[in-house]
C-alpha atoms as a PDB file:
ATOM      1  CA  UNK A   1      -6.410   5.895   6.184  1.00  0.00           C
ATOM      2  CA  UNK A   2      -7.306   5.041   9.626  1.00  0.00           C
ATOM      3  CA  UNK A   3      -4.649   4.804  12.242  1.00  0.00           C
ATOM      4  CA  UNK A   4      -7.037   4.795  15.253  1.00  0.00           C
ATOM      5  CA  UNK A   5      -5.908   8.232  16.312  1.00  0.00           C
ATOM      6  CA  UNK A   6      -8.634  10.684  15.132  1.00  0.00           C
ATOM      7  CA  UNK A   7      -6.536  13.666  15.121  1.00  0.00           C
ATOM      8  CA  UNK A   8      -3.665  12.100  13.319  1.00  0.00           C
ATOM      9  CA  UNK A   9      -6.077  10.788  10.605  1.00  0.00           C
ATOM     10  CA  UNK A  10      -7.519  14.301  10.304  1.00  0.00           C
ATOM     11  CA  UNK A  11      -4.082  15.737   9.826  1.00  0.00           C
ATOM     12  CA  UNK A  12      -3.038  12.993   7.285  1.00  0.00           C
ATOM     13  CA  UNK A  13      -6.147  13.643   5.183  1.00  0.00           C
ATOM     14  CA  UNK A  14      -5.818  17.365   5.352  1.00  0.00           C
ATOM     15  CA  UNK A  15      -4.413  19.696   2.655  1.00  0.00           C
ATOM     16  CA  UNK A  16      -0.918  19.796   4.113  1.00  0.00           C
ATOM     17  CA  UNK A  17      -0.380  16.041   3.902  1.00  0.00           C
ATOM     18  CA  UNK A  18      -2.432  13.625   1.515  1.00  0.00           C
ATOM     19  CA  UNK A  19      -5.110  16.163   0.570  1.00  0.00           C
ATOM     20  CA  UNK A  20      -7.819  13.373   0.461  1.00  0.00           C
ATOM     21  CA  UNK A  21     -10.386  15.907  -0.699  1.00  0.00           C
ATOM     22  CA  UNK A  22      -8.218  16.467  -3.820  1.00  0.00           C
ATOM     23  CA  UNK A  23      -6.787  12.982  -4.201  1.00  0.00           C
ATOM     24  CA  UNK A  24      -9.373  10.704  -2.574  1.00  0.00           C
ATOM     25  CA  UNK A  25      -7.784   7.318  -3.814  1.00  0.00           C
ATOM     26  CA  UNK A  26      -4.393   5.623  -3.158  1.00  0.00           C
ATOM     27  CA  UNK A  27      -3.774   2.800  -5.698  1.00  0.00           C
ATOM     28  CA  UNK A  28      -1.228   0.008  -5.843  1.00  0.00           C
ATOM     29  CA  UNK A  29      -1.149  -1.995  -9.134  1.00  0.00           C
ATOM     30  CA  UNK A  30       0.862  -5.025  -8.686  1.00  0.00           C
ATOM     31  CA  UNK A  31       3.198  -5.826 -11.558  1.00  0.00           C
ATOM     32  CA  UNK A  32       5.498  -8.546  -9.966  1.00  0.00           C
ATOM     33  CA  UNK A  33       5.274 -11.067  -7.344  1.00  0.00           C
ATOM     34  CA  UNK A  34       8.303 -13.049  -6.061  1.00  0.00           C
ATOM     35  CA  UNK A  35       8.338 -16.178  -3.950  1.00  0.00           C
ATOM     36  CA  UNK A  36       5.094 -17.615  -5.105  1.00  0.00           C
ATOM     37  CA  UNK A  37       6.888 -21.039  -6.106  1.00  0.00           C
ATOM     38  CA  UNK A  38       7.658 -21.673  -2.485  1.00  0.00           C
ATOM     39  CA  UNK A  39       4.122 -21.637  -1.165  1.00  0.00           C
ATOM     40  CA  UNK A  40       2.750 -24.532   0.916  1.00  0.00           C
ATOM     41  CA  UNK A  41      -0.854 -24.661   2.218  1.00  0.00           C
ATOM     42  CA  UNK A  42      -1.693 -23.239   5.667  1.00  0.00           C
ATOM     43  CA  UNK A  43       1.858 -21.823   6.095  1.00  0.00           C
ATOM     44  CA  UNK A  44       2.824 -18.113   6.364  1.00  0.00           C
ATOM     45  CA  UNK A  45       5.111 -16.963   3.612  1.00  0.00           C
ATOM     46  CA  UNK A  46       6.579 -13.596   2.789  1.00  0.00           C
ATOM     47  CA  UNK A  47       6.431 -12.495  -0.753  1.00  0.00           C
ATOM     48  CA  UNK A  48       8.028  -9.546  -2.439  1.00  0.00           C
ATOM     49  CA  UNK A  49       5.353  -7.534  -4.341  1.00  0.00           C
ATOM     50  CA  UNK A  50       6.368  -5.016  -6.917  1.00  0.00           C
ATOM     51  CA  UNK A  51       4.043  -2.499  -8.516  1.00  0.00           C
ATOM     52  CA  UNK A  52       3.041   1.045  -9.237  1.00  0.00           C
ATOM     53  CA  UNK A  53       1.929   2.960  -6.224  1.00  0.00           C
ATOM     54  CA  UNK A  54      -0.194   6.189  -7.033  1.00  0.00           C
ATOM     55  CA  UNK A  55      -1.062   8.733  -4.399  1.00  0.00           C
ATOM     56  CA  UNK A  56      -1.237  12.517  -4.237  1.00  0.00           C
ATOM     57  CA  UNK A  57      -1.051  12.968  -7.959  1.00  0.00           C
ATOM     58  CA  UNK A  58       2.287  10.842  -8.243  1.00  0.00           C
ATOM     59  CA  UNK A  59       2.890   7.380  -9.428  1.00  0.00           C
ATOM     60  CA  UNK A  60       6.119   5.511  -8.847  1.00  0.00           C
ATOM     61  CA  UNK A  61       7.414   2.011  -8.640  1.00  0.00           C
ATOM     62  CA  UNK A  62       7.574   0.569  -5.230  1.00  0.00           C
ATOM     63  CA  UNK A  63       8.327  -2.844  -3.707  1.00  0.00           C
ATOM     64  CA  UNK A  64       6.834  -4.151  -0.437  1.00  0.00           C
ATOM     65  CA  UNK A  65       6.900  -7.396   1.678  1.00  0.00           C
ATOM     66  CA  UNK A  66       3.468  -9.130   1.848  1.00  0.00           C
ATOM     67  CA  UNK A  67       2.711 -11.798   4.303  1.00  0.00           C
ATOM     68  CA  UNK A  68       0.197 -14.496   3.056  1.00  0.00           C
ATOM     69  CA  UNK A  69      -1.189 -17.789   4.447  1.00  0.00           C
END
């Protein structure tokens, strides 16, 4: 994670937050994408992306908005 604030990044990676030494990877496996049928070339679209988010030893289903062009 890079937030462009060095001290914040250090805290986020530390053992009290994400514990990057013990859990070095964050993974999002996409299982479903909604809104693909409405895509047109060279236009920005918002898609709804659902998947399994794994971080800090925990995996759960999450949905996010993805902007694509």
